Amino acid sequence: MKLQVRQTGKINGEISVPGDKSISHRAVMLGALAQGTTTVTNFLMGADCLSSIDCFKKMGAAFSRPDNNTIIVKGNGLYGLREPEDILDVGNSGTTIRLMLGILAGQPFFSTVTGDASIRKRPMGRVTEPLLEMGANIDGRQNGSLAPLAIRGGALKPIQFNSPVASAQVKSAVILAGLYAGGQTEIREPHKSRDHTERMLAYFGAEIAVNHCAVKIKGGPNLEGKPVEIPGDISSAAFFMVAAAAMPGSRLMVNRVGINPTRTGIIDVLRNMGAEITIHNVDEVNGEPVGDICIRGSELKGTVIEGSLIPRLIDEIPVITVAAAAAAGETIIRDAAELKVKESNRISAMALELRKLGVNVNELKDGMIVHGGSRMKGAVCESHDDHRVAMSMAVAGLLATGETLIKNTECIGISFPGFAETLAGFTHCANI
């Protein structure tokens, strides 16, 4: 599939975006570990989250789907999963495999986990190493650092783990394994990463304490199923936020979006670049803050993005590079080496594709320098089979003269079903 996009002068309107992918995954998993029924509304019916459902179905959790954005999970408690009869295939979902490894580490049975070609290249050692320290038996390619992975879990012991990276997936895997360890497990990270796991565990009744970059979890809680409303995904909203911010005269309202402070780095960056962003109707659902985000476009300027800001916007960096291309001056992105081990090497992928539009980009070992301000020209671009690269280049197409064609865009369905239709509300856009 190809996505065809043409330049537009400004965008005005109001949109809603699909449910948050990170929170949708966790609702599936904790719903499966809880006793009783968990009803999840505004669930993201994207390929990644459906992979999580499929894996937990294979371990005995029951799921039903009364409508297009609601799932009902019937769990059998923390110790209610059963040994799967088949391999657990996570598809393209890094969140599924890494968080599920933490859960599988505590199960008294054998399981095998794999994924697509991209997943089989992504590093798993950062997760398997602390799980091995806790007592799980895990093996796989390259000494258990690459999928497929075989896990024989159970009988875990608590640990104090200092994560070398600020990664919500690593942190969450250890936290979830800590549910099955006697005593208290503690995890520390160099910067605070997204905390959806901690918030949802507290909502479901776990004994969990958070002190900035440190988390303590007590094993053996009684998790109780509860209703969960999934906020709109700020990572999906980011594409339209950047489009509006980069076009003077634009005004866009994105309704009921998650504004968890560990995820709002995109707002901070766009404000630093000169965009006017206000938040209205702030509320809280199942421990997660939500609000309506209003963006007014302006002439953007370059900025520096580094340090503790990076974990708060790691998924938004591809589209931030598009904002940087439209901004006057240089934008410098550092401390983002994590981008190299996503669905694609997002540093190289975005640099390559932006250059096709005439943008001057210098790659760094842990980021890039984008020299903005020159006029972008439409071109034929590749998605690199990465949903965030594909959608970022579609936003670039809104800003570039002429027509931009992005190839191999089926991957967009991983996180934003209906992206093309939403985009078409503002400009000529078509799947061809």
Protein backbone atom coordinates (compact mmCIF):
# COMPACT_ATOMS: atom_id res chain seq x y z
CA MET A 1 0.00 0.00 0.00
CA LYS A 2 1.13 3.57 -0.74
CA LEU A 3 0.06 6.84 0.83
CA GLN A 4 -0.19 9.91 -1.41
CA VAL A 5 -0.04 13.33 0.30
CA ARG A 6 -0.10 16.88 -1.06
CA GLN A 7 0.94 20.15 0.50
CA THR A 8 -1.61 22.14 2.47
CA GLY A 9 -1.38 25.70 3.77
CA LYS A 10 -2.83 25.23 7.25
CA ILE A 11 -5.08 22.93 9.20
CA ASN A 12 -8.04 23.88 11.35
CA GLY A 13 -10.40 21.60 13.17
CA GLU A 14 -10.93 19.09 15.93
CA ILE A 15 -9.94 15.43 16.03
CA SER A 16 -9.80 12.43 18.32
CA VAL A 17 -7.01 9.88 18.11
CA PRO A 18 -7.02 6.14 18.87
CA GLY A 19 -6.51 4.82 22.38
CA ASP A 20 -3.03 4.84 23.87
CA LYS A 21 -1.03 1.84 22.66
CA SER A 22 1.10 1.51 25.80
CA ILE A 23 -1.92 1.60 28.12
CA SER A 24 -3.92 -0.77 25.90
CA HIS A 25 -1.16 -3.40 26.15
CA ARG A 26 -1.07 -3.10 29.92
CA ALA A 27 -4.86 -3.35 30.23
CA VAL A 28 -4.72 -6.68 28.38
CA MET A 29 -1.93 -8.04 30.55
CA LEU A 30 -3.13 -6.85 33.95
CA GLY A 31 -6.70 -7.76 33.08
CA ALA A 32 -5.47 -11.29 32.37
CA LEU A 33 -3.64 -11.40 35.74
CA ALA A 34 -6.51 -9.91 37.74
CA GLN A 35 -9.35 -11.79 39.37
CA GLY A 36 -12.66 -11.11 37.66
CA THR A 37 -13.69 -8.88 34.78
CA THR A 38 -11.86 -5.91 33.29
CA THR A 39 -13.84 -3.87 30.75
CA VAL A 40 -11.57 -1.73 28.57
CA THR A 41 -13.06 1.12 26.54
CA ASN A 42 -11.36 3.09 23.75
CA PHE A 43 -9.00 0.13 23.33
CA LEU A 44 -6.54 0.44 20.45
CA MET A 45 -7.52 -2.23 17.91
CA GLY A 46 -4.09 -2.01 16.26
CA ALA A 47 -2.00 -4.98 15.24
CA ASP A 48 0.41 -4.71 18.19
CA CYS A 49 -2.30 -4.72 20.85
CA LEU A 50 -4.13 -7.56 19.10
CA SER A 51 -0.88 -9.53 19.38
CA SER A 52 -1.02 -9.09 23.15
CA ILE A 53 -4.59 -10.40 23.20
CA ASP A 54 -3.62 -13.41 21.08
CA CYS A 55 -0.73 -14.34 23.37
CA PHE A 56 -2.79 -14.17 26.55
CA LYS A 57 -5.64 -16.09 24.93
CA LYS A 58 -3.14 -18.90 24.37
CA MET A 59 -2.47 -18.85 28.12
CA GLY A 60 -6.11 -19.19 29.12
CA ALA A 61 -7.38 -15.63 29.58
CA ALA A 62 -10.80 -15.04 28.01
CA PHE A 63 -11.54 -12.04 25.80
CA SER A 64 -14.70 -10.73 24.18
CA ARG A 65 -15.32 -7.69 21.98
CA PRO A 66 -18.80 -6.18 22.36
CA ASP A 67 -18.06 -3.29 20.00
CA ASN A 68 -15.28 -1.83 17.86
CA ASN A 69 -13.35 -0.14 20.66
CA THR A 70 -14.21 -2.20 23.75
CA ILE A 71 -12.76 -5.45 25.04
CA ILE A 72 -13.76 -7.47 28.08
CA VAL A 73 -11.02 -9.50 29.79
CA LYS A 74 -11.87 -12.31 32.19
CA GLY A 75 -8.84 -13.19 34.26
CA ASN A 76 -8.26 -16.02 36.71
CA GLY A 77 -5.94 -14.19 39.09
CA LEU A 78 -2.21 -13.75 39.35
CA TYR A 79 -1.56 -17.49 39.20
CA GLY A 80 -4.31 -18.35 36.72
CA LEU A 81 -2.36 -18.55 33.45
CA ARG A 82 -1.71 -21.95 31.90
CA GLU A 83 1.04 -23.35 29.74
CA PRO A 84 0.46 -22.43 26.08
CA GLU A 85 0.17 -25.29 23.61
CA ASP A 86 1.77 -23.25 20.85
CA ILE A 87 4.51 -20.66 20.36
CA LEU A 88 3.58 -17.15 21.54
CA ASP A 89 3.97 -14.90 18.50
CA VAL A 90 4.08 -11.16 19.28
CA GLY A 91 4.16 -10.05 15.63
CA ASN A 92 5.87 -6.64 15.48
CA SER A 93 5.22 -5.69 19.11
CA GLY A 94 8.27 -4.92 21.22
CA THR A 95 6.03 -3.96 24.14
CA THR A 96 4.29 -7.34 24.06
CA ILE A 97 7.44 -9.42 24.06
CA ARG A 98 9.37 -7.44 26.68
CA LEU A 99 6.55 -7.00 29.19
CA MET A 100 5.31 -10.54 28.68
CA LEU A 101 8.79 -11.90 29.39
CA GLY A 102 8.48 -10.46 32.89
CA ILE A 103 5.18 -12.27 33.40
CA LEU A 104 6.40 -15.54 31.86
CA ALA A 105 9.45 -15.47 34.13
CA GLY A 106 7.12 -16.02 37.09
CA GLN A 107 5.02 -18.83 35.60
CA PRO A 108 5.53 -22.47 36.65
CA PHE A 109 5.52 -23.65 33.03
CA PHE A 110 7.44 -23.63 29.77
CA SER A 111 6.82 -21.17 26.95
CA THR A 112 8.46 -20.06 23.72
CA VAL A 113 8.19 -16.51 22.39
CA THR A 114 9.00 -15.12 18.96
CA GLY A 115 7.98 -12.33 16.59
CA ASP A 116 8.47 -11.02 13.08
CA ALA A 117 11.83 -10.32 11.43
CA SER A 118 12.08 -6.92 13.13
CA ILE A 119 11.44 -8.35 16.61
CA ARG A 120 14.02 -11.08 16.04
CA LYS A 121 16.65 -8.37 15.52
CA ARG A 122 15.76 -6.26 18.56
CA PRO A 123 17.85 -6.60 21.75
CA MET A 124 16.26 -8.68 24.51
CA GLY A 125 19.30 -9.06 26.77
CA ARG A 126 18.46 -5.85 28.64
CA VAL A 127 15.28 -7.63 29.79
CA THR A 128 16.45 -11.23 30.11
CA GLU A 129 19.51 -10.38 32.21
CA PRO A 130 17.60 -9.08 35.28
CA LEU A 131 15.03 -11.87 34.87
CA LEU A 132 17.83 -14.45 34.95
CA GLU A 133 19.13 -12.77 38.10
CA MET A 134 15.68 -13.24 39.62
CA GLY A 135 15.87 -16.97 38.92
CA ALA A 136 14.09 -17.51 35.61
CA ASN A 137 15.53 -19.91 33.05
CA ILE A 138 15.64 -18.19 29.66
CA ASP A 139 17.53 -19.22 26.56
CA GLY A 140 17.54 -18.14 22.94
CA ARG A 141 19.71 -16.94 20.13
CA GLN A 142 22.99 -15.28 21.09
CA ASN A 143 22.82 -16.51 24.68
CA GLY A 144 19.27 -15.36 25.22
CA SER A 145 19.70 -11.86 23.83
CA LEU A 146 17.60 -12.38 20.67
CA ALA A 147 14.23 -14.02 19.97
CA PRO A 148 13.01 -16.70 19.66
CA LEU A 149 13.29 -17.19 23.41
CA ALA A 150 12.42 -20.20 25.55
CA ILE A 151 11.35 -19.54 29.13
CA ARG A 152 10.88 -21.87 32.09
CA GLY A 153 9.70 -19.65 34.90
CA GLY A 154 8.65 -19.80 38.52
CA ALA A 155 10.30 -19.51 41.95
CA LEU A 156 11.60 -15.96 41.48
CA LYS A 157 13.53 -14.03 44.09
CA PRO A 158 13.36 -10.24 44.59
CA ILE A 159 16.30 -8.13 43.43
CA GLN A 160 17.51 -4.57 43.46
CA PHE A 161 18.05 -3.70 39.82
CA ASN A 162 19.78 -0.60 38.51
CA SER A 163 18.75 -0.30 34.87
CA PRO A 164 21.49 1.10 32.62
CA VAL A 165 18.84 2.66 30.37
CA ALA A 166 15.67 4.66 31.00
CA SER A 167 13.29 2.21 29.35
CA ALA A 168 9.68 1.64 30.35
CA GLN A 169 9.80 -1.79 28.73
CA VAL A 170 12.80 -2.92 30.78
CA LYS A 171 11.40 -1.40 33.97
CA SER A 172 7.96 -2.92 33.39
CA ALA A 173 9.35 -6.39 32.71
CA VAL A 174 11.14 -6.38 36.07
CA ILE A 175 8.12 -4.90 37.87
CA LEU A 176 5.83 -7.58 36.43
CA ALA A 177 8.29 -10.32 37.36
CA GLY A 178 8.36 -8.78 40.84
CA LEU A 179 4.68 -9.68 41.22
CA TYR A 180 5.85 -13.31 41.39
CA ALA A 181 8.85 -12.79 43.70
CA GLY A 182 8.64 -13.24 47.44
CA GLY A 183 9.33 -9.93 49.16
CA GLN A 184 10.08 -6.58 47.54
CA THR A 185 11.72 -5.94 44.19
CA GLU A 186 13.28 -2.53 43.54
CA ILE A 187 14.09 -0.98 40.15
CA ARG A 188 16.05 2.22 39.57
CA GLU A 189 16.67 3.95 36.24
CA PRO A 190 18.88 6.89 35.23
CA HIS A 191 15.92 9.04 34.14
CA LYS A 192 12.23 8.51 34.75
CA SER A 193 10.60 6.65 31.87
CA ARG A 194 6.87 6.36 31.19
CA ASP A 195 5.03 5.01 34.22
CA HIS A 196 1.83 3.45 32.88
CA THR A 197 2.65 0.07 34.45
CA GLU A 198 3.06 1.59 37.90
CA ARG A 199 -0.16 3.59 37.63
CA MET A 200 -2.27 0.68 36.42
CA LEU A 201 -0.86 -1.75 38.99
CA ALA A 202 -1.75 0.69 41.76
CA TYR A 203 -5.25 1.03 40.27
CA PHE A 204 -5.65 -2.77 40.23
CA GLY A 205 -4.60 -3.06 43.87
CA ALA A 206 -0.88 -3.88 43.86
CA GLU A 207 1.43 -2.67 46.63
CA ILE A 208 3.75 -0.40 44.65
CA ALA A 209 5.75 2.64 45.72
CA VAL A 210 7.28 5.19 43.35
CA ASN A 211 9.94 7.72 44.26
CA HIS A 212 10.90 9.53 41.03
CA CYS A 213 13.37 7.14 39.33
CA ALA A 214 12.90 4.28 41.82
CA VAL A 215 10.04 1.78 41.99
CA LYS A 216 9.36 -0.85 44.66
CA ILE A 217 6.86 -3.65 44.09
CA LYS A 218 5.71 -6.26 46.64
CA GLY A 219 5.15 -9.77 45.36
CA GLY A 220 1.91 -11.75 45.55
CA PRO A 221 -0.78 -9.06 45.36
CA ASN A 222 -4.47 -9.75 44.80
CA LEU A 223 -5.22 -7.87 41.60
CA GLU A 224 -8.89 -7.08 41.03
CA GLY A 225 -10.39 -6.50 37.59
CA LYS A 226 -11.73 -2.97 37.08
CA PRO A 227 -13.11 -0.79 34.28
CA VAL A 228 -10.34 0.92 32.28
CA GLU A 229 -10.81 3.87 29.94
CA ILE A 230 -7.90 4.25 27.55
CA PRO A 231 -6.98 7.91 26.88
CA GLY A 232 -6.17 9.04 23.36
CA ASP A 233 -2.54 8.30 22.47
CA ILE A 234 -0.35 11.40 22.59
CA SER A 235 2.13 9.57 20.34
CA SER A 236 -0.60 9.40 17.68
CA ALA A 237 -1.72 12.96 18.38
CA ALA A 238 1.89 14.11 17.89
CA PHE A 239 1.70 13.77 14.10
CA PHE A 240 -1.17 16.23 13.85
CA MET A 241 0.24 18.42 16.62
CA VAL A 242 3.44 18.88 14.60
CA ALA A 243 1.49 19.51 11.40
CA ALA A 244 -0.55 22.27 13.06
CA ALA A 245 2.42 23.74 14.94
CA ALA A 246 4.49 24.07 11.75
CA MET A 247 1.79 25.92 9.76
CA PRO A 248 1.17 29.53 10.83
CA GLY A 249 -2.53 30.24 11.08
CA SER A 250 -3.45 26.68 11.99
CA ARG A 251 -5.59 25.81 15.00
CA LEU A 252 -6.15 22.19 16.01
CA MET A 253 -7.93 20.68 19.02
CA VAL A 254 -7.13 17.06 19.93
CA ASN A 255 -9.73 15.70 22.32
CA ARG A 256 -9.25 13.59 25.46
CA VAL A 257 -5.57 12.78 25.06
CA GLY A 258 -3.36 11.25 27.75
CA ILE A 259 -1.18 13.95 29.32
CA ASN A 260 0.84 11.75 31.66
CA PRO A 261 3.95 13.86 32.55
CA THR A 262 6.23 10.99 31.45
CA ARG A 263 4.78 11.35 27.92
CA THR A 264 4.41 15.10 27.38
CA GLY A 265 7.90 15.86 26.12
CA ILE A 266 6.39 16.57 22.68
CA ILE A 267 4.43 19.48 24.21
CA ASP A 268 7.55 20.88 25.86
CA VAL A 269 9.55 20.67 22.63
CA LEU A 270 6.90 22.30 20.43
CA ARG A 271 6.48 25.10 22.98
CA ASN A 272 10.26 25.59 23.01
CA MET A 273 10.14 25.82 19.22
CA GLY A 274 7.54 28.58 19.38
CA ALA A 275 4.17 26.81 19.06
CA GLU A 276 1.27 27.93 21.24
CA ILE A 277 -0.17 24.95 23.09
CA THR A 278 -2.87 25.04 25.75
CA ILE A 279 -4.55 22.19 27.63
CA HIS A 280 -8.24 22.23 28.57
CA ASN A 281 -10.73 20.04 30.46
CA VAL A 282 -8.10 18.21 32.52
CA ASP A 283 -9.45 15.04 34.12
CA GLU A 284 -8.18 11.70 35.46
CA VAL A 285 -9.21 8.17 34.46
CA ASN A 286 -7.89 5.02 36.18
CA GLY A 287 -4.88 6.94 37.47
CA GLU A 288 -4.01 8.59 34.14
CA PRO A 289 -4.40 12.34 33.50
CA VAL A 290 -6.24 13.34 30.31
CA GLY A 291 -7.09 16.63 28.62
CA ASP A 292 -7.91 18.40 25.37
CA ILE A 293 -4.81 19.77 23.64
CA CYS A 294 -5.12 22.94 21.51
CA ILE A 295 -2.27 23.80 19.12
CA ARG A 296 -1.87 27.07 17.23
CA GLY A 297 0.71 27.22 14.44
CA SER A 298 3.53 29.71 14.16
CA GLU A 299 6.98 30.21 12.70
CA LEU A 300 9.03 27.57 14.49
CA LYS A 301 12.66 27.85 15.54
CA GLY A 302 15.29 25.21 16.20
CA THR A 303 15.95 23.78 19.66
CA VAL A 304 18.10 21.26 21.56
CA ILE A 305 16.59 17.95 22.70
CA GLU A 306 18.64 15.80 25.08
CA GLY A 307 19.05 14.24 28.53
CA SER A 308 16.04 13.53 30.72
CA LEU A 309 13.71 14.87 28.03
CA ILE A 310 14.46 11.93 25.71
CA PRO A 311 12.54 9.18 27.58
CA ARG A 312 9.50 11.49 27.62
CA LEU A 313 9.32 11.70 23.82
CA ILE A 314 11.31 8.79 22.41
CA ASP A 315 8.44 7.64 20.15
CA GLU A 316 7.77 11.18 18.93
CA ILE A 317 11.31 11.96 17.76
CA PRO A 318 10.67 10.88 14.13
CA VAL A 319 7.91 13.47 13.72
CA ILE A 320 9.86 16.02 15.77
CA THR A 321 12.54 15.84 13.07
CA VAL A 322 9.85 16.98 10.61
CA ALA A 323 9.09 19.97 12.83
CA ALA A 324 12.84 20.63 12.93
CA ALA A 325 13.00 20.58 9.12
CA ALA A 326 10.30 23.27 8.99
CA ALA A 327 11.88 25.38 11.75
CA ALA A 328 14.40 28.17 11.30
CA GLY A 329 17.91 27.24 12.42
CA GLU A 330 19.35 24.02 13.80
CA THR A 331 17.68 21.40 15.94
CA ILE A 332 20.09 19.12 17.79
CA ILE A 333 18.93 15.74 19.12
CA ARG A 334 21.29 13.84 21.45
CA ASP A 335 21.12 10.90 23.90
CA ALA A 336 18.66 9.07 21.63
CA ALA A 337 20.67 5.99 20.64
CA GLU A 338 17.60 3.95 21.65
CA LEU A 339 16.11 5.00 18.28
CA LYS A 340 18.52 2.63 16.54
CA VAL A 341 16.79 -0.45 17.96
CA LYS A 342 13.14 0.37 17.27
CA GLU A 343 11.11 -1.09 14.38
CA SER A 344 13.81 0.45 12.20
CA ASN A 345 16.94 2.45 12.90
CA ARG A 346 14.88 5.62 13.19
CA ILE A 347 17.90 7.91 13.16
CA SER A 348 19.11 6.62 9.81
CA ALA A 349 15.61 6.14 8.39
CA MET A 350 14.44 9.69 9.11
CA ALA A 351 17.73 11.22 7.95
CA LEU A 352 17.53 9.31 4.67
CA GLU A 353 13.89 10.18 3.97
CA LEU A 354 14.16 13.86 4.92
CA ARG A 355 17.14 14.23 2.61
CA LYS A 356 14.90 13.06 -0.24
CA LEU A 357 12.76 16.15 0.46
CA GLY A 358 15.83 18.39 0.38
CA VAL A 359 16.50 18.67 4.12
CA ASN A 360 20.10 18.92 5.34
CA VAL A 361 20.56 16.33 8.12
CA ASN A 362 23.71 15.21 9.91
CA GLU A 363 23.54 11.90 11.73
CA LEU A 364 25.16 11.57 15.15
CA LYS A 365 25.96 8.36 17.02
CA ASP A 366 23.06 9.09 19.38
CA GLY A 367 20.86 11.46 17.40
CA MET A 368 21.03 14.00 14.60
CA ILE A 369 21.34 17.65 13.65
CA VAL A 370 18.54 18.95 11.42
CA HIS A 371 19.28 22.17 9.53
CA GLY A 372 15.81 23.61 9.10
CA GLY A 373 14.25 26.45 7.21
CA SER A 374 14.75 25.40 3.59
CA ARG A 375 11.72 24.62 1.44
CA MET A 376 10.90 20.92 1.28
CA LYS A 377 9.96 19.37 -2.05
CA GLY A 378 7.73 16.34 -2.47
CA ALA A 379 9.42 13.02 -3.22
CA VAL A 380 8.92 9.26 -3.21
CA CYS A 381 9.71 7.97 0.28
CA GLU A 382 9.94 4.62 2.07
CA SER A 383 8.33 3.64 5.36
CA HIS A 384 11.14 1.23 6.31
CA ASP A 385 8.23 -0.93 7.55
CA ASP A 386 8.03 1.43 10.53
CA HIS A 387 4.67 2.98 11.37
CA ARG A 388 6.17 6.10 12.95
CA VAL A 389 8.49 6.75 10.01
CA ALA A 390 5.57 6.31 7.59
CA MET A 391 3.32 8.77 9.43
CA SER A 392 6.16 11.25 9.97
CA MET A 393 6.82 11.36 6.24
CA ALA A 394 3.12 11.91 5.62
CA VAL A 395 3.32 14.99 7.86
CA ALA A 396 6.41 16.09 5.93
CA GLY A 397 4.30 15.73 2.77
CA LEU A 398 1.83 18.28 4.16
CA LEU A 399 4.68 20.80 4.38
CA ALA A 400 6.50 19.97 1.12
CA THR A 401 5.66 21.51 -2.26
CA GLY A 402 4.01 19.19 -4.72
CA GLU A 403 3.16 15.58 -3.96
CA THR A 404 4.82 13.11 -1.58
CA LEU A 405 4.36 9.37 -1.98
CA ILE A 406 5.16 7.05 0.93
CA LYS A 407 5.56 3.38 0.00
CA ASN A 408 4.76 0.31 2.10
CA THR A 409 2.41 2.01 4.55
CA GLU A 410 0.52 -1.08 5.75
CA CYS A 411 2.54 -0.79 8.96
CA ILE A 412 0.57 2.32 10.00
CA GLY A 413 -2.18 0.00 11.22
CA ILE A 414 0.11 -1.10 14.06
CA SER A 415 -0.67 2.04 16.05
CA PHE A 416 -3.08 4.31 14.15
CA PRO A 417 -5.87 2.61 12.22
CA GLY A 418 -7.66 5.35 10.31
CA PHE A 419 -4.63 7.64 10.06
CA ALA A 420 -5.11 8.25 6.33
CA GLU A 421 -8.79 9.08 6.81
CA THR A 422 -7.97 11.57 9.58
CA LEU A 423 -5.26 13.16 7.42
CA ALA A 424 -7.64 13.36 4.47
CA GLY A 425 -9.85 15.66 6.53
CA PHE A 426 -7.18 18.35 6.19
CA THR A 427 -5.66 17.79 2.74
CA HIS A 428 -5.63 15.56 -0.30
CA CYS A 429 -4.51 12.19 0.97
CA ALA A 430 -5.22 8.78 -0.45
CA ASN A 431 -4.20 5.14 -0.05
CA ILE A 432 -3.27 3.82 -3.48
